[in-house]
Amino acid sequence: MQELNLPQYPIKLKEEKGTKYIFDPIRKKYLVLQPEEWVRQNFIQYLINEKSFPSTLIAIEKGLKINELQKRADIVIYDNEAQPIVLIECKSPKVKINQEVFEQVARYNVVFKVPYLVVTNGLEHYCAKVDLKENSFEFLQELPVYSEL
């Protein structure tokens, strides 16, 4: 798979009958290796290893409903009181991070109401701190470590 703009981690891969799989340590199972899944699994390792996020507080493909449509948030991170605090949208490295991607994660945040939003394609990463009362946001240089959220 493509090299990403993230540290390299020992990620478990396997191949069966010509199909490649990647191990998801959060869901504890192998998934078909797609470009977006490659980004998601590498970013999960980044969250755990570089930003000290507890793996037990990370949810993958968390379901939500928007205008009667069933959607899934790629990664949702919770605090110790089980409140969502970070919403992360992962895209394939071939997908350009643009206004449409930010609008998608913003729509999801109408449901989750988290103070931090992240979008990544593995090559570019953007983090925004959201002020829900003022209905505004500011971009950060990077996502803070878990203890600083």
N, C-alpha and C. Protein backbone atom coordinates (compact mmCIF):
# COMPACT_ATOMS: atom_id res chain seq x y z
N MET A 1 0.85 -1.20 0.00
CA MET A 1 0.00 0.00 0.00
C MET A 1 0.88 1.24 0.00
N GLN A 2 0.24 2.35 -0.28
CA GLN A 2 0.94 3.62 -0.40
C GLN A 2 1.53 4.06 0.94
N GLU A 3 2.72 4.63 0.88
CA GLU A 3 3.32 5.20 2.08
C GLU A 3 2.55 6.46 2.45
N LEU A 4 2.31 6.63 3.75
CA LEU A 4 1.51 7.76 4.23
C LEU A 4 2.39 8.77 4.97
N ASN A 5 1.83 9.92 5.22
CA ASN A 5 2.50 10.97 5.97
C ASN A 5 2.21 10.75 7.47
N LEU A 6 2.59 9.57 7.93
CA LEU A 6 2.43 9.15 9.33
C LEU A 6 3.63 8.27 9.67
N PRO A 7 3.95 8.15 10.95
CA PRO A 7 5.02 7.21 11.30
C PRO A 7 4.62 5.80 10.85
N GLN A 8 5.60 4.96 10.61
CA GLN A 8 5.30 3.58 10.21
C GLN A 8 5.10 2.73 11.46
N TYR A 9 4.08 1.87 11.40
CA TYR A 9 3.73 1.00 12.52
C TYR A 9 3.69 -0.44 12.03
N PRO A 10 3.93 -1.39 12.95
CA PRO A 10 3.83 -2.80 12.57
C PRO A 10 2.35 -3.21 12.46
N ILE A 11 1.80 -3.08 11.28
CA ILE A 11 0.39 -3.38 11.05
C ILE A 11 0.29 -4.80 10.49
N LYS A 12 -0.64 -5.57 11.05
CA LYS A 12 -0.81 -6.96 10.62
C LYS A 12 -1.58 -7.02 9.30
N LEU A 13 -0.96 -7.68 8.33
CA LEU A 13 -1.58 -7.90 7.03
C LEU A 13 -1.59 -9.39 6.74
N LYS A 14 -2.55 -9.83 5.96
CA LYS A 14 -2.55 -11.22 5.50
C LYS A 14 -3.23 -11.28 4.15
N GLU A 15 -3.00 -12.38 3.45
CA GLU A 15 -3.62 -12.58 2.15
C GLU A 15 -4.24 -13.97 2.12
N GLU A 16 -5.49 -14.03 1.66
CA GLU A 16 -6.20 -15.29 1.51
C GLU A 16 -6.91 -15.30 0.17
N LYS A 17 -6.63 -16.32 -0.62
CA LYS A 17 -7.28 -16.49 -1.92
C LYS A 17 -7.18 -15.23 -2.78
N GLY A 18 -6.02 -14.59 -2.74
CA GLY A 18 -5.78 -13.42 -3.58
C GLY A 18 -6.31 -12.10 -3.03
N THR A 19 -6.95 -12.14 -1.87
CA THR A 19 -7.48 -10.91 -1.25
C THR A 19 -6.62 -10.54 -0.06
N LYS A 20 -6.23 -9.26 0.00
CA LYS A 20 -5.41 -8.77 1.11
C LYS A 20 -6.31 -8.25 2.23
N TYR A 21 -5.88 -8.51 3.46
CA TYR A 21 -6.63 -8.09 4.64
C TYR A 21 -5.71 -7.33 5.59
N ILE A 22 -6.32 -6.45 6.38
CA ILE A 22 -5.61 -5.68 7.40
C ILE A 22 -6.32 -5.90 8.73
N PHE A 23 -5.54 -6.03 9.80
CA PHE A 23 -6.12 -6.28 11.12
C PHE A 23 -6.51 -4.97 11.78
N ASP A 24 -7.74 -4.93 12.27
CA ASP A 24 -8.24 -3.78 13.01
C ASP A 24 -8.18 -4.13 14.50
N PRO A 25 -7.25 -3.50 15.26
CA PRO A 25 -7.10 -3.84 16.68
C PRO A 25 -8.27 -3.35 17.55
N ILE A 26 -9.05 -2.42 17.04
CA ILE A 26 -10.20 -1.93 17.81
C ILE A 26 -11.35 -2.92 17.70
N ARG A 27 -11.66 -3.34 16.50
CA ARG A 27 -12.75 -4.30 16.29
C ARG A 27 -12.26 -5.74 16.40
N LYS A 28 -10.93 -5.90 16.52
CA LYS A 28 -10.30 -7.21 16.70
C LYS A 28 -10.68 -8.20 15.61
N LYS A 29 -10.54 -7.75 14.35
CA LYS A 29 -10.80 -8.65 13.23
C LYS A 29 -10.09 -8.12 11.99
N TYR A 30 -9.91 -9.02 11.02
CA TYR A 30 -9.32 -8.65 9.74
C TYR A 30 -10.39 -8.09 8.82
N LEU A 31 -10.04 -7.05 8.08
CA LEU A 31 -10.93 -6.40 7.13
C LEU A 31 -10.24 -6.37 5.76
N VAL A 32 -11.04 -6.34 4.70
CA VAL A 32 -10.47 -6.24 3.37
C VAL A 32 -9.65 -4.95 3.30
N LEU A 33 -8.45 -5.08 2.77
CA LEU A 33 -7.54 -3.94 2.69
C LEU A 33 -7.92 -3.05 1.51
N GLN A 34 -8.54 -1.93 1.82
CA GLN A 34 -8.89 -0.90 0.85
C GLN A 34 -8.05 0.33 1.20
N PRO A 35 -7.86 1.25 0.26
CA PRO A 35 -7.05 2.45 0.56
C PRO A 35 -7.55 3.24 1.78
N GLU A 36 -8.86 3.43 1.92
CA GLU A 36 -9.38 4.17 3.07
C GLU A 36 -9.13 3.40 4.37
N GLU A 37 -9.23 2.08 4.32
CA GLU A 37 -8.98 1.28 5.53
C GLU A 37 -7.50 1.35 5.91
N TRP A 38 -6.61 1.40 4.93
CA TRP A 38 -5.18 1.57 5.17
C TRP A 38 -4.94 2.87 5.94
N VAL A 39 -5.58 3.94 5.50
CA VAL A 39 -5.45 5.24 6.17
C VAL A 39 -6.01 5.14 7.59
N ARG A 40 -7.22 4.57 7.72
CA ARG A 40 -7.86 4.48 9.04
C ARG A 40 -6.99 3.70 10.03
N GLN A 41 -6.47 2.54 9.62
CA GLN A 41 -5.68 1.73 10.54
C GLN A 41 -4.36 2.40 10.91
N ASN A 42 -3.74 3.08 9.99
CA ASN A 42 -2.52 3.82 10.31
C ASN A 42 -2.82 4.99 11.22
N PHE A 43 -3.94 5.67 10.99
CA PHE A 43 -4.28 6.81 11.84
C PHE A 43 -4.65 6.35 13.25
N ILE A 44 -5.29 5.20 13.37
CA ILE A 44 -5.59 4.65 14.70
C ILE A 44 -4.28 4.40 15.45
N GLN A 45 -3.28 3.84 14.77
CA GLN A 45 -1.98 3.61 15.41
C GLN A 45 -1.34 4.93 15.83
N TYR A 46 -1.48 5.95 14.99
CA TYR A 46 -0.97 7.28 15.31
C TYR A 46 -1.65 7.82 16.58
N LEU A 47 -2.97 7.67 16.65
CA LEU A 47 -3.71 8.15 17.83
C LEU A 47 -3.24 7.45 19.10
N ILE A 48 -3.06 6.16 19.02
CA ILE A 48 -2.68 5.37 20.20
C ILE A 48 -1.21 5.61 20.57
N ASN A 49 -0.33 5.53 19.58
CA ASN A 49 1.11 5.57 19.86
C ASN A 49 1.70 6.97 20.00
N GLU A 50 1.19 7.93 19.25
CA GLU A 50 1.76 9.28 19.29
C GLU A 50 0.96 10.25 20.15
N LYS A 51 -0.35 10.05 20.20
CA LYS A 51 -1.23 11.00 20.90
C LYS A 51 -1.82 10.43 22.18
N SER A 52 -1.42 9.22 22.55
CA SER A 52 -1.81 8.58 23.82
C SER A 52 -3.31 8.43 24.01
N PHE A 53 -4.02 8.15 22.92
CA PHE A 53 -5.46 7.90 23.03
C PHE A 53 -5.67 6.46 23.49
N PRO A 54 -6.48 6.25 24.53
CA PRO A 54 -6.76 4.87 24.97
C PRO A 54 -7.57 4.13 23.89
N SER A 55 -7.11 2.97 23.49
CA SER A 55 -7.81 2.22 22.45
C SER A 55 -9.23 1.85 22.86
N THR A 56 -9.46 1.73 24.16
CA THR A 56 -10.80 1.37 24.66
C THR A 56 -11.82 2.49 24.46
N LEU A 57 -11.35 3.71 24.16
CA LEU A 57 -12.26 4.85 23.98
C LEU A 57 -12.41 5.23 22.50
N ILE A 58 -11.96 4.36 21.61
CA ILE A 58 -12.04 4.61 20.17
C ILE A 58 -13.12 3.71 19.58
N ALA A 59 -14.04 4.31 18.84
CA ALA A 59 -15.08 3.56 18.13
C ALA A 59 -14.88 3.74 16.63
N ILE A 60 -15.09 2.66 15.87
CA ILE A 60 -14.91 2.67 14.43
C ILE A 60 -16.26 2.51 13.74
N GLU A 61 -16.47 3.29 12.68
CA GLU A 61 -17.70 3.25 11.88
C GLU A 61 -18.94 3.33 12.77
N LYS A 62 -18.98 4.36 13.57
CA LYS A 62 -20.10 4.60 14.48
C LYS A 62 -21.29 5.10 13.68
N GLY A 63 -22.40 4.41 13.82
CA GLY A 63 -23.60 4.75 13.07
C GLY A 63 -24.26 6.04 13.54
N LEU A 64 -24.88 6.76 12.60
CA LEU A 64 -25.65 7.96 12.90
C LEU A 64 -26.68 8.14 11.81
N LYS A 65 -27.69 8.94 12.12
CA LYS A 65 -28.75 9.22 11.14
C LYS A 65 -28.76 10.71 10.84
N ILE A 66 -28.76 11.03 9.54
CA ILE A 66 -28.87 12.42 9.09
C ILE A 66 -29.99 12.47 8.07
N ASN A 67 -31.03 13.24 8.37
CA ASN A 67 -32.18 13.35 7.47
C ASN A 67 -32.70 11.98 7.03
N GLU A 68 -32.88 11.11 7.99
CA GLU A 68 -33.40 9.75 7.75
C GLU A 68 -32.43 8.85 6.99
N LEU A 69 -31.23 9.33 6.69
CA LEU A 69 -30.22 8.50 6.01
C LEU A 69 -29.26 7.93 7.04
N GLN A 70 -29.00 6.64 6.93
CA GLN A 70 -28.05 6.00 7.83
C GLN A 70 -26.63 6.25 7.32
N LYS A 71 -25.77 6.80 8.16
CA LYS A 71 -24.38 7.10 7.82
C LYS A 71 -23.48 6.46 8.87
N ARG A 72 -22.16 6.51 8.62
CA ARG A 72 -21.18 5.98 9.58
C ARG A 72 -20.01 6.94 9.70
N ALA A 73 -19.70 7.32 10.91
CA ALA A 73 -18.51 8.13 11.16
C ALA A 73 -17.31 7.18 11.23
N ASP A 74 -16.22 7.52 10.56
CA ASP A 74 -15.06 6.64 10.51
C ASP A 74 -14.49 6.32 11.90
N ILE A 75 -14.16 7.37 12.65
CA ILE A 75 -13.59 7.18 13.98
C ILE A 75 -14.23 8.20 14.92
N VAL A 76 -14.70 7.72 16.06
CA VAL A 76 -15.21 8.60 17.12
C VAL A 76 -14.43 8.25 18.39
N ILE A 77 -13.93 9.28 19.05
CA ILE A 77 -13.18 9.09 20.28
C ILE A 77 -13.98 9.69 21.42
N TYR A 78 -14.01 8.95 22.52
CA TYR A 78 -14.80 9.33 23.69
C TYR A 78 -13.89 9.73 24.84
N ASP A 79 -14.46 10.50 25.77
CA ASP A 79 -13.72 10.81 26.99
C ASP A 79 -14.07 9.74 28.04
N ASN A 80 -13.57 9.92 29.24
CA ASN A 80 -13.79 8.92 30.29
C ASN A 80 -15.23 8.87 30.79
N GLU A 81 -16.04 9.86 30.43
CA GLU A 81 -17.46 9.85 30.80
C GLU A 81 -18.33 9.38 29.64
N ALA A 82 -17.70 8.76 28.64
CA ALA A 82 -18.39 8.20 27.47
C ALA A 82 -19.05 9.28 26.60
N GLN A 83 -18.50 10.50 26.63
CA GLN A 83 -18.98 11.57 25.77
C GLN A 83 -18.05 11.67 24.56
N PRO A 84 -18.60 11.78 23.35
CA PRO A 84 -17.73 11.91 22.17
C PRO A 84 -16.97 13.24 22.21
N ILE A 85 -15.67 13.18 21.89
CA ILE A 85 -14.87 14.42 21.93
C ILE A 85 -14.11 14.68 20.63
N VAL A 86 -13.88 13.64 19.82
CA VAL A 86 -13.18 13.81 18.55
C VAL A 86 -13.89 12.99 17.49
N LEU A 87 -14.09 13.61 16.33
CA LEU A 87 -14.70 12.94 15.18
C LEU A 87 -13.68 13.00 14.05
N ILE A 88 -13.36 11.83 13.47
CA ILE A 88 -12.32 11.75 12.45
C ILE A 88 -12.90 11.13 11.18
N GLU A 89 -12.70 11.80 10.06
CA GLU A 89 -13.12 11.30 8.75
C GLU A 89 -11.86 10.93 7.97
N CYS A 90 -11.79 9.67 7.55
CA CYS A 90 -10.65 9.17 6.79
C CYS A 90 -11.06 8.98 5.33
N LYS A 91 -10.16 9.35 4.46
CA LYS A 91 -10.36 9.19 3.02
C LYS A 91 -9.17 8.45 2.43
N SER A 92 -9.36 7.91 1.26
CA SER A 92 -8.27 7.29 0.51
C SER A 92 -7.23 8.36 0.19
N PRO A 93 -5.95 7.97 0.09
CA PRO A 93 -4.93 8.95 -0.29
C PRO A 93 -5.21 9.62 -1.64
N LYS A 94 -6.00 9.00 -2.48
CA LYS A 94 -6.32 9.58 -3.79
C LYS A 94 -7.40 10.65 -3.71
N VAL A 95 -8.10 10.72 -2.57
CA VAL A 95 -9.17 11.70 -2.40
C VAL A 95 -8.58 12.99 -1.87
N LYS A 96 -8.78 14.07 -2.59
CA LYS A 96 -8.28 15.38 -2.16
C LYS A 96 -9.13 15.89 -1.00
N ILE A 97 -8.46 16.42 0.02
CA ILE A 97 -9.18 17.01 1.15
C ILE A 97 -9.65 18.38 0.70
N ASN A 98 -10.97 18.52 0.57
CA ASN A 98 -11.53 19.78 0.08
C ASN A 98 -12.75 20.18 0.92
N GLN A 99 -13.44 21.21 0.47
CA GLN A 99 -14.60 21.74 1.20
C GLN A 99 -15.66 20.66 1.41
N GLU A 100 -15.86 19.81 0.42
CA GLU A 100 -16.88 18.75 0.51
C GLU A 100 -16.59 17.79 1.67
N VAL A 101 -15.32 17.46 1.88
CA VAL A 101 -14.93 16.57 2.97
C VAL A 101 -15.19 17.25 4.31
N PHE A 102 -14.84 18.53 4.40
CA PHE A 102 -15.10 19.27 5.64
C PHE A 102 -16.60 19.38 5.91
N GLU A 103 -17.39 19.59 4.88
CA GLU A 103 -18.84 19.68 5.06
C GLU A 103 -19.41 18.34 5.53
N GLN A 104 -18.87 17.24 5.05
CA GLN A 104 -19.32 15.92 5.49
C GLN A 104 -19.09 15.76 6.99
N VAL A 105 -17.88 16.03 7.46
CA VAL A 105 -17.59 15.86 8.88
C VAL A 105 -18.39 16.87 9.72
N ALA A 106 -18.63 18.06 9.18
CA ALA A 106 -19.44 19.06 9.90
C ALA A 106 -20.89 18.59 10.03
N ARG A 107 -21.42 17.95 8.97
CA ARG A 107 -22.79 17.40 9.06
C ARG A 107 -22.87 16.32 10.13
N TYR A 108 -21.86 15.47 10.18
CA TYR A 108 -21.84 14.42 11.19
C TYR A 108 -21.78 15.03 12.59
N ASN A 109 -21.10 16.17 12.70
CA ASN A 109 -20.97 16.79 14.01
C ASN A 109 -22.26 17.42 14.50
N VAL A 110 -23.23 17.62 13.64
CA VAL A 110 -24.55 18.07 14.09
C VAL A 110 -25.12 17.02 15.05
N VAL A 111 -24.79 15.76 14.80
CA VAL A 111 -25.24 14.67 15.66
C VAL A 111 -24.33 14.50 16.88
N PHE A 112 -23.01 14.45 16.65
CA PHE A 112 -22.08 14.13 17.73
C PHE A 112 -21.74 15.31 18.64
N LYS A 113 -21.71 16.52 18.08
CA LYS A 113 -21.40 17.74 18.85
C LYS A 113 -20.07 17.63 19.61
N VAL A 114 -19.02 17.25 18.88
CA VAL A 114 -17.69 17.13 19.48
C VAL A 114 -16.92 18.43 19.36
N PRO A 115 -15.96 18.65 20.25
CA PRO A 115 -15.14 19.87 20.16
C PRO A 115 -13.96 19.78 19.19
N TYR A 116 -13.65 18.57 18.68
CA TYR A 116 -12.52 18.43 17.75
C TYR A 116 -12.93 17.62 16.53
N LEU A 117 -12.60 18.15 15.35
CA LEU A 117 -12.84 17.46 14.09
C LEU A 117 -11.51 17.25 13.38
N VAL A 118 -11.35 16.07 12.78
CA VAL A 118 -10.14 15.76 12.03
C VAL A 118 -10.55 15.16 10.69
N VAL A 119 -9.88 15.57 9.63
CA VAL A 119 -10.02 14.92 8.33
C VAL A 119 -8.61 14.57 7.85
N THR A 120 -8.50 13.37 7.28
CA THR A 120 -7.20 12.92 6.80
C THR A 120 -7.36 12.01 5.59
N ASN A 121 -6.41 12.09 4.70
CA ASN A 121 -6.31 11.11 3.62
C ASN A 121 -4.98 10.35 3.75
N GLY A 122 -4.38 10.46 4.92
CA GLY A 122 -3.11 9.80 5.17
C GLY A 122 -1.91 10.61 4.74
N LEU A 123 -2.13 11.54 3.82
CA LEU A 123 -1.07 12.41 3.33
C LEU A 123 -1.20 13.81 3.92
N GLU A 124 -2.45 14.27 4.00
CA GLU A 124 -2.76 15.56 4.62
C GLU A 124 -3.69 15.31 5.80
N HIS A 125 -3.45 16.05 6.88
CA HIS A 125 -4.27 15.91 8.09
C HIS A 125 -4.68 17.31 8.53
N TYR A 126 -5.95 17.49 8.81
CA TYR A 126 -6.44 18.79 9.29
C TYR A 126 -7.23 18.56 10.56
N CYS A 127 -6.97 19.40 11.54
CA CYS A 127 -7.69 19.33 12.81
C CYS A 127 -8.29 20.70 13.11
N ALA A 128 -9.54 20.70 13.52
CA ALA A 128 -10.20 21.95 13.88
C ALA A 128 -10.80 21.82 15.28
N LYS A 129 -10.65 22.88 16.06
CA LYS A 129 -11.31 22.96 17.37
C LYS A 129 -12.60 23.71 17.14
N VAL A 130 -13.70 23.09 17.56
CA VAL A 130 -15.03 23.64 17.31
C VAL A 130 -15.56 24.31 18.57
N ASP A 131 -16.10 25.52 18.39
CA ASP A 131 -16.79 26.21 19.47
C ASP A 131 -18.28 26.07 19.17
N LEU A 132 -18.92 25.13 19.84
CA LEU A 132 -20.32 24.82 19.56
C LEU A 132 -21.26 25.96 19.95
N LYS A 133 -20.90 26.73 20.99
CA LYS A 133 -21.75 27.85 21.42
C LYS A 133 -21.72 28.99 20.40
N GLU A 134 -20.53 29.26 19.87
CA GLU A 134 -20.36 30.36 18.92
C GLU A 134 -20.57 29.91 17.47
N ASN A 135 -20.72 28.60 17.28
CA ASN A 135 -20.88 28.03 15.95
C ASN A 135 -19.71 28.45 15.04
N SER A 136 -18.50 28.27 15.59
CA SER A 136 -17.29 28.64 14.84
C SER A 136 -16.23 27.57 15.08
N PHE A 137 -15.12 27.69 14.36
CA PHE A 137 -14.02 26.75 14.53
C PHE A 137 -12.71 27.45 14.20
N GLU A 138 -11.62 26.85 14.67
CA GLU A 138 -10.28 27.32 14.31
C GLU A 138 -9.42 26.10 14.01
N PHE A 139 -8.59 26.21 12.98
CA PHE A 139 -7.69 25.11 12.64
C PHE A 139 -6.52 25.10 13.61
N LEU A 140 -6.10 23.91 13.99
CA LEU A 140 -4.95 23.72 14.86
C LEU A 140 -3.80 23.16 14.03
N GLN A 141 -2.59 23.33 14.53
CA GLN A 141 -1.42 22.77 13.84
C GLN A 141 -1.50 21.24 13.81
N GLU A 142 -2.00 20.67 14.91
CA GLU A 142 -2.16 19.22 15.00
C GLU A 142 -3.14 18.88 16.11
N LEU A 143 -3.60 17.67 16.11
CA LEU A 143 -4.50 17.18 17.15
C LEU A 143 -3.72 17.09 18.46
N PRO A 144 -4.27 17.68 19.54
CA PRO A 144 -3.58 17.58 20.84
C PRO A 144 -3.51 16.12 21.32
N VAL A 145 -2.61 15.86 22.26
CA VAL A 145 -2.57 14.54 22.90
C VAL A 145 -3.85 14.40 23.73
N TYR A 146 -4.22 13.15 23.98
CA TYR A 146 -5.50 12.87 24.64
C TYR A 146 -5.68 13.63 25.96
N SER A 147 -4.63 13.68 26.78
CA SER A 147 -4.74 14.31 28.11
C SER A 147 -4.99 15.83 28.03
N GLU A 148 -4.77 16.43 26.86
CA GLU A 148 -4.97 17.88 26.71
C GLU A 148 -6.34 18.23 26.12
N LEU A 149 -7.14 17.23 25.79
CA LEU A 149 -8.46 17.52 25.21
C LEU A 149 -9.45 17.96 26.26
